[in-house]
């Protein structure tokens, strides 16, 4: 039996029963992480049931969907209790756990030093295949030193300046005599599609990097790329160090995995991290299978849900 949508109506008679609540938590945890279901709607018998109160006899209506698509943003559940230090620990653990190896780094020793002057690390770019020499850089700095490094490696470099206009993300590109062409997200997708393949996409914009990454993930821009360099600022420019902001950042980094990117190198820099990803389209890891495949409820999990509901 294949399950695409799932509707659950739990009745919680006593919020003070820790064992009862933990059984519900474990079941919902399994729905998300093991069965790939995503919660898209919820309501309760009383507004007080959605607050931290001692109100009893609450009924909840939960609507879940499986495999919403890799371009749909999915907010992951909080890290344990969702406290700031727990969210920080989860993000840092994720970006410090490499998922892939690069066996042949690009011989461009100035690449990291141009970005991080005091760094002695090797470059975070894997060797480029000879038939692919397309690099896209998204930065507000027109004279970014890494641009010259890629050109010295015989790459065709295209640089875009991202800006927000009327609430939309626009990309400005130099077009001779300092003229700037303006591309919408759809224009950029068509531009990348015409290139057919892109070796490296470099997002190097310290105040808009998360908006750019989210836009690329939402519109399928990254599926044309084989490597991604992403400068991730872990402090939200509006809310600062906030659990919800860190949770959203973590969710976006996990969405990179869903679209086939594996982290192979990272360089810490104050509250920023330079993250380097390789596309691994041919190897479907466990997380990709969770999103892309249609999974079934095991008999144990069906029994667990049945016992709780009854």
C-alpha atoms as a PDB file:
ATOM      1  CA  UNK A   1       0.000   0.000   0.000  1.00  0.00           C
ATOM      2  CA  UNK A   2       1.423   3.379  -1.049  1.00  0.00           C
ATOM      3  CA  UNK A   3       0.593   6.386   1.106  1.00  0.00           C
ATOM      4  CA  UNK A   4       0.816   9.896  -0.348  1.00  0.00           C
ATOM      5  CA  UNK A   5      -1.301  11.948   2.068  1.00  0.00           C
ATOM      6  CA  UNK A   6      -1.880  11.219   5.704  1.00  0.00           C
ATOM      7  CA  UNK A   7      -4.380  12.780   8.110  1.00  0.00           C
ATOM      8  CA  UNK A   8      -4.025  12.322  11.840  1.00  0.00           C
ATOM      9  CA  UNK A   9      -6.417  13.403  14.611  1.00  0.00           C
ATOM     10  CA  UNK A  10      -4.694  12.895  17.952  1.00  0.00           C
ATOM     11  CA  UNK A  11      -6.576  13.373  21.203  1.00  0.00           C
ATOM     12  CA  UNK A  12      -4.386  14.393  24.125  1.00  0.00           C
ATOM     13  CA  UNK A  13      -6.262  14.009  27.378  1.00  0.00           C
ATOM     14  CA  UNK A  14      -3.495  14.957  29.772  1.00  0.00           C
ATOM     15  CA  UNK A  15      -0.593  17.192  28.778  1.00  0.00           C
ATOM     16  CA  UNK A  16       1.133  16.446  32.065  1.00  0.00           C
ATOM     17  CA  UNK A  17       1.674  12.759  31.255  1.00  0.00           C
ATOM     18  CA  UNK A  18       5.268  12.741  30.034  1.00  0.00           C
ATOM     19  CA  UNK A  19       5.203   9.152  28.761  1.00  0.00           C
ATOM     20  CA  UNK A  20       2.053   9.793  26.764  1.00  0.00           C
ATOM     21  CA  UNK A  21       3.525  12.948  25.204  1.00  0.00           C
ATOM     22  CA  UNK A  22       6.791  11.194  24.429  1.00  0.00           C
ATOM     23  CA  UNK A  23       4.952   8.446  22.550  1.00  0.00           C
ATOM     24  CA  UNK A  24       3.312  11.094  20.413  1.00  0.00           C
ATOM     25  CA  UNK A  25       6.609  12.859  19.909  1.00  0.00           C
ATOM     26  CA  UNK A  26       8.306   9.623  18.864  1.00  0.00           C
ATOM     27  CA  UNK A  27       5.546   8.841  16.373  1.00  0.00           C
ATOM     28  CA  UNK A  28       5.645  12.313  14.796  1.00  0.00           C
ATOM     29  CA  UNK A  29       9.451  12.162  14.750  1.00  0.00           C
ATOM     30  CA  UNK A  30       9.254   8.872  12.805  1.00  0.00           C
ATOM     31  CA  UNK A  31       6.737  10.368  10.401  1.00  0.00           C
ATOM     32  CA  UNK A  32       9.161  13.168   9.524  1.00  0.00           C
ATOM     33  CA  UNK A  33      12.590  11.537   9.592  1.00  0.00           C
ATOM     34  CA  UNK A  34      11.857   7.917   8.742  1.00  0.00           C
ATOM     35  CA  UNK A  35       8.756   8.070   6.546  1.00  0.00           C
ATOM     36  CA  UNK A  36       9.398  11.377   4.783  1.00  0.00           C
ATOM     37  CA  UNK A  37       6.051  12.999   5.606  1.00  0.00           C
ATOM     38  CA  UNK A  38       5.812  16.783   5.870  1.00  0.00           C
ATOM     39  CA  UNK A  39       3.252  18.627   7.980  1.00  0.00           C
ATOM     40  CA  UNK A  40       1.456  21.235   5.853  1.00  0.00           C
ATOM     41  CA  UNK A  41      -1.598  22.099   7.973  1.00  0.00           C
ATOM     42  CA  UNK A  42      -2.590  21.946  11.620  1.00  0.00           C
ATOM     43  CA  UNK A  43      -5.465  23.132  13.770  1.00  0.00           C
ATOM     44  CA  UNK A  44      -6.725  22.499  17.277  1.00  0.00           C
ATOM     45  CA  UNK A  45     -10.004  22.329  19.151  1.00  0.00           C
ATOM     46  CA  UNK A  46      -9.030  25.477  21.068  1.00  0.00           C
ATOM     47  CA  UNK A  47      -6.416  28.226  20.566  1.00  0.00           C
ATOM     48  CA  UNK A  48      -5.200  27.442  24.075  1.00  0.00           C
ATOM     49  CA  UNK A  49      -4.170  23.986  22.880  1.00  0.00           C
ATOM     50  CA  UNK A  50      -1.469  25.621  20.750  1.00  0.00           C
ATOM     51  CA  UNK A  51       0.074  27.371  23.743  1.00  0.00           C
ATOM     52  CA  UNK A  52       2.173  26.114  26.603  1.00  0.00           C
ATOM     53  CA  UNK A  53      -0.634  25.678  29.111  1.00  0.00           C
ATOM     54  CA  UNK A  54      -1.994  22.946  31.323  1.00  0.00           C
ATOM     55  CA  UNK A  55      -5.216  22.760  29.340  1.00  0.00           C
ATOM     56  CA  UNK A  56      -6.511  19.214  29.010  1.00  0.00           C
ATOM     57  CA  UNK A  57      -8.624  17.347  26.445  1.00  0.00           C
ATOM     58  CA  UNK A  58      -7.156  18.848  23.278  1.00  0.00           C
ATOM     59  CA  UNK A  59      -7.899  17.521  19.815  1.00  0.00           C
ATOM     60  CA  UNK A  60      -5.488  18.281  16.952  1.00  0.00           C
ATOM     61  CA  UNK A  61      -5.988  17.928  13.200  1.00  0.00           C
ATOM     62  CA  UNK A  62      -2.686  17.268  11.410  1.00  0.00           C
ATOM     63  CA  UNK A  63      -2.361  17.001   7.625  1.00  0.00           C
ATOM     64  CA  UNK A  64       0.788  15.439   6.165  1.00  0.00           C
ATOM     65  CA  UNK A  65       2.071  14.924   2.643  1.00  0.00           C
ATOM     66  CA  UNK A  66       4.882  12.734   1.390  1.00  0.00           C
ATOM     67  CA  UNK A  67       7.498  13.803  -1.155  1.00  0.00           C
ATOM     68  CA  UNK A  68       6.427  17.433  -1.768  1.00  0.00           C
ATOM     69  CA  UNK A  69       9.324  17.826  -4.233  1.00  0.00           C
ATOM     70  CA  UNK A  70      12.956  18.840  -3.871  1.00  0.00           C
ATOM     71  CA  UNK A  71      12.237  22.486  -4.693  1.00  0.00           C
ATOM     72  CA  UNK A  72       9.803  22.889  -1.790  1.00  0.00           C
ATOM     73  CA  UNK A  73      11.224  24.387   1.386  1.00  0.00           C
ATOM     74  CA  UNK A  74      10.766  22.126   4.392  1.00  0.00           C
ATOM     75  CA  UNK A  75      11.324  23.529   7.888  1.00  0.00           C
ATOM     76  CA  UNK A  76      12.947  20.845   9.993  1.00  0.00           C
ATOM     77  CA  UNK A  77      11.666  20.239  13.542  1.00  0.00           C
ATOM     78  CA  UNK A  78      13.458  22.063  16.366  1.00  0.00           C
ATOM     79  CA  UNK A  79      16.683  20.667  17.747  1.00  0.00           C
ATOM     80  CA  UNK A  80      15.453  18.862  20.863  1.00  0.00           C
ATOM     81  CA  UNK A  81      13.746  21.595  22.888  1.00  0.00           C
ATOM     82  CA  UNK A  82      14.673  24.266  20.327  1.00  0.00           C
ATOM     83  CA  UNK A  83      16.850  26.380  22.619  1.00  0.00           C
ATOM     84  CA  UNK A  84      19.427  28.678  21.029  1.00  0.00           C
ATOM     85  CA  UNK A  85      22.442  26.647  22.137  1.00  0.00           C
ATOM     86  CA  UNK A  86      20.863  23.432  20.830  1.00  0.00           C
ATOM     87  CA  UNK A  87      20.079  24.974  17.428  1.00  0.00           C
ATOM     88  CA  UNK A  88      23.628  26.350  17.218  1.00  0.00           C
ATOM     89  CA  UNK A  89      25.113  22.975  18.113  1.00  0.00           C
ATOM     90  CA  UNK A  90      23.051  21.213  15.436  1.00  0.00           C
ATOM     91  CA  UNK A  91      24.067  23.645  12.682  1.00  0.00           C
ATOM     92  CA  UNK A  92      27.742  23.586  13.668  1.00  0.00           C
ATOM     93  CA  UNK A  93      27.738  19.796  13.868  1.00  0.00           C
ATOM     94  CA  UNK A  94      26.220  19.628  10.399  1.00  0.00           C
ATOM     95  CA  UNK A  95      28.677  21.988   8.692  1.00  0.00           C
ATOM     96  CA  UNK A  96      31.658  20.380  10.429  1.00  0.00           C
ATOM     97  CA  UNK A  97      30.730  16.886   9.276  1.00  0.00           C
ATOM     98  CA  UNK A  98      32.114  16.335   5.778  1.00  0.00           C
ATOM     99  CA  UNK A  99      30.024  14.086   3.546  1.00  0.00           C
ATOM    100  CA  UNK A 100      32.345  13.657   0.573  1.00  0.00           C
ATOM    101  CA  UNK A 101      36.031  13.771  -0.313  1.00  0.00           C
ATOM    102  CA  UNK A 102      37.784  15.684  -3.052  1.00  0.00           C
ATOM    103  CA  UNK A 103      40.783  13.702  -4.263  1.00  0.00           C
ATOM    104  CA  UNK A 104      42.175  16.377  -6.581  1.00  0.00           C
ATOM    105  CA  UNK A 105      41.894  20.015  -5.565  1.00  0.00           C
ATOM    106  CA  UNK A 106      42.182  22.777  -8.129  1.00  0.00           C
ATOM    107  CA  UNK A 107      45.752  24.014  -8.235  1.00  0.00           C
ATOM    108  CA  UNK A 108      45.004  27.607  -7.397  1.00  0.00           C
ATOM    109  CA  UNK A 109      46.754  28.237  -4.062  1.00  0.00           C
ATOM    110  CA  UNK A 110      45.659  31.879  -3.988  1.00  0.00           C
ATOM    111  CA  UNK A 111      41.971  31.024  -3.998  1.00  0.00           C
ATOM    112  CA  UNK A 112      41.529  30.713  -0.236  1.00  0.00           C
ATOM    113  CA  UNK A 113      44.061  33.406   0.626  1.00  0.00           C
ATOM    114  CA  UNK A 114      42.171  35.898  -1.525  1.00  0.00           C
ATOM    115  CA  UNK A 115      39.037  35.233   0.490  1.00  0.00           C
ATOM    116  CA  UNK A 116      40.664  34.641   3.863  1.00  0.00           C
ATOM    117  CA  UNK A 117      44.020  36.473   3.950  1.00  0.00           C
ATOM    118  CA  UNK A 118      45.271  34.611   7.039  1.00  0.00           C
ATOM    119  CA  UNK A 119      44.234  31.151   5.918  1.00  0.00           C
ATOM    120  CA  UNK A 120      46.772  28.487   5.013  1.00  0.00           C
ATOM    121  CA  UNK A 121      44.170  25.931   3.978  1.00  0.00           C
ATOM    122  CA  UNK A 122      44.135  24.353   0.562  1.00  0.00           C
ATOM    123  CA  UNK A 123      41.681  25.624  -1.982  1.00  0.00           C
ATOM    124  CA  UNK A 124      38.147  24.379  -1.525  1.00  0.00           C
ATOM    125  CA  UNK A 125      37.485  23.797  -5.227  1.00  0.00           C
ATOM    126  CA  UNK A 126      37.859  20.387  -6.790  1.00  0.00           C
ATOM    127  CA  UNK A 127      39.694  20.107 -10.092  1.00  0.00           C
ATOM    128  CA  UNK A 128      37.590  21.236 -13.010  1.00  0.00           C
ATOM    129  CA  UNK A 129      36.933  18.855 -15.873  1.00  0.00           C
ATOM    130  CA  UNK A 130      38.449  19.961 -19.133  1.00  0.00           C
ATOM    131  CA  UNK A 131      35.177  20.160 -21.042  1.00  0.00           C
ATOM    132  CA  UNK A 132      33.509  22.261 -18.358  1.00  0.00           C
ATOM    133  CA  UNK A 133      34.943  25.671 -17.573  1.00  0.00           C
ATOM    134  CA  UNK A 134      31.893  27.683 -16.626  1.00  0.00           C
ATOM    135  CA  UNK A 135      31.936  29.591 -13.329  1.00  0.00           C
ATOM    136  CA  UNK A 136      29.137  31.819 -12.023  1.00  0.00           C
ATOM    137  CA  UNK A 137      29.936  34.269  -9.219  1.00  0.00           C
ATOM    138  CA  UNK A 138      27.262  36.111  -7.255  1.00  0.00           C
ATOM    139  CA  UNK A 139      28.815  38.974  -5.327  1.00  0.00           C
ATOM    140  CA  UNK A 140      28.435  42.714  -4.793  1.00  0.00           C
ATOM    141  CA  UNK A 141      32.212  43.114  -5.168  1.00  0.00           C
ATOM    142  CA  UNK A 142      33.010  43.583  -8.862  1.00  0.00           C
ATOM    143  CA  UNK A 143      36.729  43.186  -8.220  1.00  0.00           C
ATOM    144  CA  UNK A 144      36.509  39.981  -6.211  1.00  0.00           C
ATOM    145  CA  UNK A 145      40.025  38.425  -6.333  1.00  0.00           C
ATOM    146  CA  UNK A 146      38.655  34.915  -6.785  1.00  0.00           C
ATOM    147  CA  UNK A 147      37.338  36.035 -10.171  1.00  0.00           C
ATOM    148  CA  UNK A 148      40.876  36.432 -11.475  1.00  0.00           C
ATOM    149  CA  UNK A 149      41.905  33.099  -9.955  1.00  0.00           C
ATOM    150  CA  UNK A 150      39.243  31.280 -11.948  1.00  0.00           C
ATOM    151  CA  UNK A 151      40.240  33.106 -15.119  1.00  0.00           C
ATOM    152  CA  UNK A 152      43.832  32.027 -14.603  1.00  0.00           C
ATOM    153  CA  UNK A 153      42.490  28.477 -14.484  1.00  0.00           C
ATOM    154  CA  UNK A 154      41.060  29.010 -18.013  1.00  0.00           C
ATOM    155  CA  UNK A 155      37.473  29.341 -16.844  1.00  0.00           C
ATOM    156  CA  UNK A 156      34.709  31.372 -18.427  1.00  0.00           C
ATOM    157  CA  UNK A 157      33.646  33.571 -15.514  1.00  0.00           C
ATOM    158  CA  UNK A 158      30.237  35.236 -15.330  1.00  0.00           C
ATOM    159  CA  UNK A 159      29.677  37.619 -12.436  1.00  0.00           C
ATOM    160  CA  UNK A 160      26.295  38.833 -11.223  1.00  0.00           C
ATOM    161  CA  UNK A 161      25.429  41.482  -8.645  1.00  0.00           C
ATOM    162  CA  UNK A 162      22.272  40.445  -6.742  1.00  0.00           C
ATOM    163  CA  UNK A 163      19.927  43.244  -5.640  1.00  0.00           C
ATOM    164  CA  UNK A 164      16.400  43.446  -4.266  1.00  0.00           C
ATOM    165  CA  UNK A 165      14.019  45.500  -6.395  1.00  0.00           C
ATOM    166  CA  UNK A 166      10.359  45.866  -5.383  1.00  0.00           C
ATOM    167  CA  UNK A 167      10.673  42.762  -3.221  1.00  0.00           C
ATOM    168  CA  UNK A 168      12.154  40.610  -5.988  1.00  0.00           C
ATOM    169  CA  UNK A 169      15.674  39.271  -6.387  1.00  0.00           C
ATOM    170  CA  UNK A 170      17.334  40.746  -9.509  1.00  0.00           C
ATOM    171  CA  UNK A 171      20.773  39.909 -10.921  1.00  0.00           C
ATOM    172  CA  UNK A 172      22.804  42.603 -12.660  1.00  0.00           C
ATOM    173  CA  UNK A 173      25.454  41.511 -15.150  1.00  0.00           C
ATOM    174  CA  UNK A 174      28.103  43.610 -16.830  1.00  0.00           C
ATOM    175  CA  UNK A 175      27.661  43.799 -20.574  1.00  0.00           C
ATOM    176  CA  UNK A 176      30.516  45.881 -21.994  1.00  0.00           C
ATOM    177  CA  UNK A 177      31.288  49.542 -21.386  1.00  0.00           C
ATOM    178  CA  UNK A 178      30.142  49.085 -17.775  1.00  0.00           C
ATOM    179  CA  UNK A 179      26.534  48.577 -18.863  1.00  0.00           C
ATOM    180  CA  UNK A 180      24.480  46.326 -16.614  1.00  0.00           C
ATOM    181  CA  UNK A 181      21.877  43.885 -17.847  1.00  0.00           C
ATOM    182  CA  UNK A 182      19.154  43.030 -15.342  1.00  0.00           C
ATOM    183  CA  UNK A 183      18.030  39.419 -15.102  1.00  0.00           C
ATOM    184  CA  UNK A 184      15.064  38.085 -13.167  1.00  0.00           C
ATOM    185  CA  UNK A 185      15.260  34.640 -11.554  1.00  0.00           C
ATOM    186  CA  UNK A 186      13.552  33.170 -14.620  1.00  0.00           C
ATOM    187  CA  UNK A 187      16.047  34.969 -16.903  1.00  0.00           C
ATOM    188  CA  UNK A 188      18.927  33.593 -14.855  1.00  0.00           C
ATOM    189  CA  UNK A 189      17.545  30.078 -15.026  1.00  0.00           C
ATOM    190  CA  UNK A 190      17.298  30.372 -18.818  1.00  0.00           C
ATOM    191  CA  UNK A 191      20.857  31.763 -18.951  1.00  0.00           C
ATOM    192  CA  UNK A 192      22.199  28.836 -16.934  1.00  0.00           C
ATOM    193  CA  UNK A 193      20.152  26.357 -18.935  1.00  0.00           C
ATOM    194  CA  UNK A 194      21.704  27.637 -22.161  1.00  0.00           C
ATOM    195  CA  UNK A 195      25.160  26.994 -20.707  1.00  0.00           C
ATOM    196  CA  UNK A 196      23.980  23.397 -20.202  1.00  0.00           C
ATOM    197  CA  UNK A 197      26.436  22.776 -17.411  1.00  0.00           C
ATOM    198  CA  UNK A 198      28.155  24.946 -14.818  1.00  0.00           C
ATOM    199  CA  UNK A 199      31.261  23.809 -12.994  1.00  0.00           C
ATOM    200  CA  UNK A 200      31.099  26.198 -10.031  1.00  0.00           C
ATOM    201  CA  UNK A 201      28.486  28.527  -8.569  1.00  0.00           C
ATOM    202  CA  UNK A 202      30.009  30.883  -6.003  1.00  0.00           C
ATOM    203  CA  UNK A 203      27.617  32.743  -3.672  1.00  0.00           C
ATOM    204  CA  UNK A 204      29.735  35.368  -1.964  1.00  0.00           C
ATOM    205  CA  UNK A 205      27.349  37.981  -0.558  1.00  0.00           C
ATOM    206  CA  UNK A 206      27.421  38.480   3.198  1.00  0.00           C
ATOM    207  CA  UNK A 207      24.025  40.162   3.602  1.00  0.00           C
ATOM    208  CA  UNK A 208      21.899  38.311   1.047  1.00  0.00           C
ATOM    209  CA  UNK A 209      23.488  34.883   0.802  1.00  0.00           C
ATOM    210  CA  UNK A 210      20.560  33.012   2.348  1.00  0.00           C
ATOM    211  CA  UNK A 211      18.004  34.767   0.118  1.00  0.00           C
ATOM    212  CA  UNK A 212      20.102  33.879  -2.929  1.00  0.00           C
ATOM    213  CA  UNK A 213      20.510  30.246  -1.864  1.00  0.00           C
ATOM    214  CA  UNK A 214      16.790  29.901  -1.138  1.00  0.00           C
ATOM    215  CA  UNK A 215      15.907  31.402  -4.522  1.00  0.00           C
ATOM    216  CA  UNK A 216      18.250  29.003  -6.321  1.00  0.00           C
ATOM    217  CA  UNK A 217      16.854  26.007  -4.442  1.00  0.00           C
ATOM    218  CA  UNK A 218      13.260  27.075  -5.077  1.00  0.00           C
ATOM    219  CA  UNK A 219      13.827  27.547  -8.815  1.00  0.00           C
ATOM    220  CA  UNK A 220      16.093  24.601  -9.593  1.00  0.00           C
ATOM    221  CA  UNK A 221      19.122  26.733 -10.522  1.00  0.00           C
ATOM    222  CA  UNK A 222      21.582  24.460  -8.747  1.00  0.00           C
ATOM    223  CA  UNK A 223      20.654  21.347 -10.695  1.00  0.00           C
ATOM    224  CA  UNK A 224      22.866  22.654 -13.523  1.00  0.00           C
ATOM    225  CA  UNK A 225      25.897  23.052 -11.232  1.00  0.00           C
ATOM    226  CA  UNK A 226      28.579  20.552 -10.257  1.00  0.00           C
ATOM    227  CA  UNK A 227      30.093  22.510  -7.380  1.00  0.00           C
ATOM    228  CA  UNK A 228      28.852  25.169  -5.000  1.00  0.00           C
ATOM    229  CA  UNK A 229      30.830  27.632  -2.890  1.00  0.00           C
ATOM    230  CA  UNK A 230      28.646  29.238  -0.256  1.00  0.00           C
ATOM    231  CA  UNK A 231      29.686  31.852   2.292  1.00  0.00           C
ATOM    232  CA  UNK A 232      27.213  31.287   5.106  1.00  0.00           C
ATOM    233  CA  UNK A 233      26.771  33.987   7.732  1.00  0.00           C
ATOM    234  CA  UNK A 234      25.300  32.284  10.792  1.00  0.00           C
ATOM    235  CA  UNK A 235      23.927  35.523  12.317  1.00  0.00           C
ATOM    236  CA  UNK A 236      20.645  36.760  10.874  1.00  0.00           C
ATOM    237  CA  UNK A 237      20.936  40.421   9.894  1.00  0.00           C
ATOM    238  CA  UNK A 238      17.467  41.178  11.298  1.00  0.00           C
ATOM    239  CA  UNK A 239      17.014  38.857  14.270  1.00  0.00           C
ATOM    240  CA  UNK A 240      20.650  38.221  15.185  1.00  0.00           C
ATOM    241  CA  UNK A 241      21.362  34.947  16.965  1.00  0.00           C
ATOM    242  CA  UNK A 242      17.860  33.510  17.087  1.00  0.00           C
ATOM    243  CA  UNK A 243      16.762  29.841  17.305  1.00  0.00           C
ATOM    244  CA  UNK A 244      14.216  30.188  14.478  1.00  0.00           C
ATOM    245  CA  UNK A 245      16.827  31.738  12.158  1.00  0.00           C
ATOM    246  CA  UNK A 246      19.329  28.960  12.866  1.00  0.00           C
ATOM    247  CA  UNK A 247      16.620  26.369  12.345  1.00  0.00           C
ATOM    248  CA  UNK A 248      15.781  27.822   8.940  1.00  0.00           C
ATOM    249  CA  UNK A 249      19.473  27.935   7.959  1.00  0.00           C
ATOM    250  CA  UNK A 250      19.868  24.303   8.977  1.00  0.00           C
ATOM    251  CA  UNK A 251      16.782  23.372   6.943  1.00  0.00           C
ATOM    252  CA  UNK A 252      18.189  25.070   3.823  1.00  0.00           C
ATOM    253  CA  UNK A 253      21.523  23.264   4.200  1.00  0.00           C
ATOM    254  CA  UNK A 254      19.662  19.976   4.465  1.00  0.00           C
ATOM    255  CA  UNK A 255      17.747  20.876   1.298  1.00  0.00           C
ATOM    256  CA  UNK A 256      21.101  21.053  -0.494  1.00  0.00           C
ATOM    257  CA  UNK A 257      21.492  17.369   0.307  1.00  0.00           C
ATOM    258  CA  UNK A 258      18.053  16.636  -1.134  1.00  0.00           C
ATOM    259  CA  UNK A 259      19.151  18.271  -4.406  1.00  0.00           C
ATOM    260  CA  UNK A 260      22.240  16.077  -4.519  1.00  0.00           C
ATOM    261  CA  UNK A 261      24.997  18.241  -2.991  1.00  0.00           C
ATOM    262  CA  UNK A 262      27.472  16.821  -0.496  1.00  0.00           C
ATOM    263  CA  UNK A 263      29.774  18.918   1.683  1.00  0.00           C
ATOM    264  CA  UNK A 264      33.456  18.178   1.069  1.00  0.00           C
ATOM    265  CA  UNK A 265      35.267  21.177   2.581  1.00  0.00           C
ATOM    266  CA  UNK A 266      34.558  23.970   5.068  1.00  0.00           C
ATOM    267  CA  UNK A 267      36.537  26.910   6.431  1.00  0.00           C
ATOM    268  CA  UNK A 268      35.368  28.786   9.554  1.00  0.00           C
ATOM    269  CA  UNK A 269      35.734  32.557   9.613  1.00  0.00           C
ATOM    270  CA  UNK A 270      34.314  34.350  12.678  1.00  0.00           C
ATOM    271  CA  UNK A 271      30.538  33.773  12.469  1.00  0.00           C
ATOM    272  CA  UNK A 272      30.767  32.881   8.776  1.00  0.00           C
ATOM    273  CA  UNK A 273      31.529  29.548   7.211  1.00  0.00           C
ATOM    274  CA  UNK A 274      32.855  28.983   3.718  1.00  0.00           C
ATOM    275  CA  UNK A 275      31.122  25.785   2.600  1.00  0.00           C
ATOM    276  CA  UNK A 276      32.136  23.785  -0.464  1.00  0.00           C
ATOM    277  CA  UNK A 277      29.778  21.263  -2.028  1.00  0.00           C
ATOM    278  CA  UNK A 278      29.994  18.729  -4.833  1.00  0.00           C
ATOM    279  CA  UNK A 279      26.997  17.541  -6.774  1.00  0.00           C
ATOM    280  CA  UNK A 280      26.661  13.802  -6.485  1.00  0.00           C
ATOM    281  CA  UNK A 281      23.773  13.197  -8.824  1.00  0.00           C
ATOM    282  CA  UNK A 282      24.501   9.528  -9.429  1.00  0.00           C
ATOM    283  CA  UNK A 283      24.646   8.522  -5.775  1.00  0.00           C
ATOM    284  CA  UNK A 284      21.353   8.704  -3.911  1.00  0.00           C
ATOM    285  CA  UNK A 285      22.082   8.875  -0.233  1.00  0.00           C
ATOM    286  CA  UNK A 286      19.635   8.011   2.501  1.00  0.00           C
ATOM    287  CA  UNK A 287      18.198  11.528   2.712  1.00  0.00           C
ATOM    288  CA  UNK A 288      17.560  11.747  -1.038  1.00  0.00           C
ATOM    289  CA  UNK A 289      15.842   8.367  -0.949  1.00  0.00           C
ATOM    290  CA  UNK A 290      13.689   9.633   1.902  1.00  0.00           C
ATOM    291  CA  UNK A 291      12.429  12.559  -0.176  1.00  0.00           C
ATOM    292  CA  UNK A 292      12.350  10.994  -3.638  1.00  0.00           C
ATOM    293  CA  UNK A 293      11.182   7.473  -2.929  1.00  0.00           C
ATOM    294  CA  UNK A 294       7.740   6.457  -1.716  1.00  0.00           C
ATOM    295  CA  UNK A 295       8.155   4.675   1.607  1.00  0.00           C
ATOM    296  CA  UNK A 296       5.710   2.509   3.471  1.00  0.00           C
ATOM    297  CA  UNK A 297       4.718   2.394   7.100  1.00  0.00           C
ATOM    298  CA  UNK A 298       6.279  -0.538   8.874  1.00  0.00           C
ATOM    299  CA  UNK A 299       3.985  -2.795  10.872  1.00  0.00           C
ATOM    300  CA  UNK A 300       5.622  -1.628  14.102  1.00  0.00           C
ATOM    301  CA  UNK A 301       4.945   2.043  13.358  1.00  0.00           C
ATOM    302  CA  UNK A 302       1.371   1.357  12.304  1.00  0.00           C
ATOM    303  CA  UNK A 303       0.795  -0.480  15.577  1.00  0.00           C
ATOM    304  CA  UNK A 304       2.396   2.334  17.553  1.00  0.00           C
ATOM    305  CA  UNK A 305       0.148   4.970  15.973  1.00  0.00           C
ATOM    306  CA  UNK A 306      -2.897   2.738  16.419  1.00  0.00           C
ATOM    307  CA  UNK A 307      -2.154   2.159  20.091  1.00  0.00           C
ATOM    308  CA  UNK A 308      -1.712   5.893  20.749  1.00  0.00           C
ATOM    309  CA  UNK A 309      -4.863   6.953  18.895  1.00  0.00           C
ATOM    310  CA  UNK A 310      -6.923   4.249  20.569  1.00  0.00           C
END
